[in-house]
C-alpha atoms as a PDB file:
ATOM      1  CA  MET A   1       0.000   0.000   0.000  1.00  0.00           C
ATOM      2  CA  ARG A   2       3.078   2.194   0.179  1.00  0.00           C
ATOM      3  CA  GLY A   3       2.937   5.155  -2.172  1.00  0.00           C
ATOM      4  CA  LYS A   4      -0.848   5.099  -2.601  1.00  0.00           C
ATOM      5  CA  SER A   5      -2.976   7.927  -1.289  1.00  0.00           C
ATOM      6  CA  VAL A   6      -5.839   7.044   1.056  1.00  0.00           C
ATOM      7  CA  SER A   7      -8.683   9.490   1.571  1.00  0.00           C
ATOM      8  CA  THR A   8      -9.399  10.982   4.971  1.00  0.00           C
ATOM      9  CA  GLU A   9     -12.902   9.505   4.789  1.00  0.00           C
ATOM     10  CA  THR A  10     -11.473   6.006   4.281  1.00  0.00           C
ATOM     11  CA  ILE A  11      -9.068   6.448   7.184  1.00  0.00           C
ATOM     12  CA  SER A  12     -11.919   7.641   9.423  1.00  0.00           C
ATOM     13  CA  GLU A  13     -14.052   4.659   8.462  1.00  0.00           C
ATOM     14  CA  LEU A  14     -11.163   2.288   9.186  1.00  0.00           C
ATOM     15  CA  VAL A  15     -10.620   3.867  12.608  1.00  0.00           C
ATOM     16  CA  VAL A  16     -14.317   3.425  13.454  1.00  0.00           C
ATOM     17  CA  TYR A  17     -14.237  -0.170  12.150  1.00  0.00           C
ATOM     18  CA  ARG A  18     -11.170  -0.889  14.313  1.00  0.00           C
ATOM     19  CA  ARG A  19     -13.052   0.453  17.359  1.00  0.00           C
ATOM     20  CA  PHE A  20     -15.995  -1.766  16.405  1.00  0.00           C
ATOM     21  CA  LEU A  21     -13.656  -4.795  16.296  1.00  0.00           C
ATOM     22  CA  GLU A  22     -12.116  -3.862  19.643  1.00  0.00           C
ATOM     23  CA  THR A  23     -15.580  -3.600  21.201  1.00  0.00           C
ATOM     24  CA  LEU A  24     -16.584  -6.919  19.655  1.00  0.00           C
ATOM     25  CA  ILE A  25     -13.507  -8.633  21.104  1.00  0.00           C
ATOM     26  CA  GLN A  26     -13.853  -6.956  24.512  1.00  0.00           C
ATOM     27  CA  SER A  27     -17.448  -8.143  24.706  1.00  0.00           C
ATOM     28  CA  GLY A  28     -16.281 -11.741  24.356  1.00  0.00           C
ATOM     29  CA  CYS A  29     -16.917 -12.343  20.656  1.00  0.00           C
ATOM     30  CA  THR A  30     -13.498 -13.844  19.976  1.00  0.00           C
ATOM     31  CA  ASN A  31     -14.615 -16.632  17.635  1.00  0.00           C
ATOM     32  CA  VAL A  32     -15.884 -14.296  14.876  1.00  0.00           C
ATOM     33  CA  THR A  33     -14.221 -14.719  11.495  1.00  0.00           C
ATOM     34  CA  PRO A  34     -13.098 -11.664   9.507  1.00  0.00           C
ATOM     35  CA  GLU A  35     -15.991 -12.226   7.079  1.00  0.00           C
ATOM     36  CA  GLU A  36     -18.480 -12.423   9.953  1.00  0.00           C
ATOM     37  CA  SER A  37     -17.068  -9.251  11.489  1.00  0.00           C
ATOM     38  CA  ILE A  38     -17.586  -7.396   8.195  1.00  0.00           C
ATOM     39  CA  ARG A  39     -21.158  -8.707   7.975  1.00  0.00           C
ATOM     40  CA  LEU A  40     -21.835  -7.572  11.553  1.00  0.00           C
ATOM     41  CA  TRP A  41     -20.261  -4.169  10.847  1.00  0.00           C
ATOM     42  CA  ARG A  42     -22.456  -3.668   7.790  1.00  0.00           C
ATOM     43  CA  GLU A  43     -25.533  -4.795   9.702  1.00  0.00           C
ATOM     44  CA  CYS A  44     -24.790  -2.389  12.554  1.00  0.00           C
ATOM     45  CA  THR A  45     -24.069   0.566  10.277  1.00  0.00           C
ATOM     46  CA  ARG A  46     -26.634   0.100   7.499  1.00  0.00           C
ATOM     47  CA  ASP A  47     -28.893   2.845   8.878  1.00  0.00           C
ATOM     48  CA  LEU A  48     -26.027   5.181   9.730  1.00  0.00           C
ATOM     49  CA  PRO A  49     -26.362   7.553   6.726  1.00  0.00           C
ATOM     50  CA  ASP A  50     -30.081   8.007   7.437  1.00  0.00           C
ATOM     51  CA  SER A  51     -29.363   8.588  11.126  1.00  0.00           C
ATOM     52  CA  VAL A  52     -26.693  11.190  10.389  1.00  0.00           C
ATOM     53  CA  ALA A  53     -29.049  12.979   7.987  1.00  0.00           C
ATOM     54  CA  ALA A  54     -31.827  12.966  10.605  1.00  0.00           C
ATOM     55  CA  VAL A  55     -29.538  14.443  13.254  1.00  0.00           C
ATOM     56  CA  LYS A  56     -28.398  17.168  10.836  1.00  0.00           C
ATOM     57  CA  ARG A  57     -32.041  18.029  10.041  1.00  0.00           C
ATOM     58  CA  ALA A  58     -32.863  18.148  13.750  1.00  0.00           C
ATOM     59  CA  LEU A  59     -29.917  20.446  14.479  1.00  0.00           C
ATOM     60  CA  GLU A  60     -30.918  22.734  11.622  1.00  0.00           C
ATOM     61  CA  GLY A  61     -34.438  22.802  13.029  1.00  0.00           C
ATOM     62  CA  LEU A  62     -33.157  23.731  16.467  1.00  0.00           C
ATOM     63  CA  LYS A  63     -31.087  26.552  14.977  1.00  0.00           C
ATOM     64  CA  ALA A  64     -34.241  27.759  13.228  1.00  0.00           C
ATOM     65  CA  GLY A  65     -36.126  27.794  16.542  1.00  0.00           C
ATOM     66  CA  LYS A  66     -38.105  24.568  16.179  1.00  0.00           C
ATOM     67  CA  ARG A  67     -38.564  22.727  19.454  1.00  0.00           C
ATOM     68  CA  GLY A  68     -38.830  19.196  18.071  1.00  0.00           C
ATOM     69  CA  MET A  69     -40.918  16.293  19.297  1.00  0.00           C
ATOM     70  CA  PRO A  70     -41.707  15.811  23.004  1.00  0.00           C
ATOM     71  CA  LEU A  71     -39.757  12.895  24.526  1.00  0.00           C
ATOM     72  CA  ASP A  72     -42.822  10.837  25.456  1.00  0.00           C
ATOM     73  CA  GLU A  73     -44.152  11.059  21.886  1.00  0.00           C
ATOM     74  CA  PHE A  74     -40.764  10.106  20.458  1.00  0.00           C
ATOM     75  CA  ALA A  75     -40.437   7.185  22.899  1.00  0.00           C
ATOM     76  CA  ARG A  76     -43.847   5.787  21.868  1.00  0.00           C
ATOM     77  CA  GLU A  77     -43.000   6.004  18.168  1.00  0.00           C
ATOM     78  CA  PHE A  78     -39.490   4.614  18.706  1.00  0.00           C
ATOM     79  CA  ARG A  79     -40.778   1.605  20.658  1.00  0.00           C
ATOM     80  CA  ALA A  80     -43.483   0.894  18.100  1.00  0.00           C
ATOM     81  CA  ARG A  81     -41.017   1.141  15.218  1.00  0.00           C
ATOM     82  CA  ASN A  82     -38.424  -1.103  16.890  1.00  0.00           C
ATOM     83  CA  GLN A  83     -40.940  -3.692  18.067  1.00  0.00           C
ATOM     84  CA  GLN A  84     -42.160  -3.859  14.485  1.00  0.00           C
ATOM     85  CA  ARG A  85     -38.574  -4.357  13.226  1.00  0.00           C
ATOM     86  CA  SER A  86     -37.823  -7.114  15.744  1.00  0.00           C
ATOM     87  CA  SER A  87     -40.910  -9.084  14.700  1.00  0.00           C
ATOM     88  CA  GLU A  88     -39.866  -9.126  11.015  1.00  0.00           C
END
């Protein structure tokens, strides 16, 4: 890999993936193959772009003076959405 340029985005993603692997190992998952670790990583991060976009929209809304959704309303919707996902 010597002599090739690696983007900052790629380096950042590799750092986060390394932390993911460290957490996986520290939690006792020492029998995971490299292929399984990649599958788990992709499964855990598949919604990440949507989540980042949602947080950015929320922050923009706060800057514009919007108060957002009350916690109890969010909690109800979150639980309903995640219970639905777990039953699929």
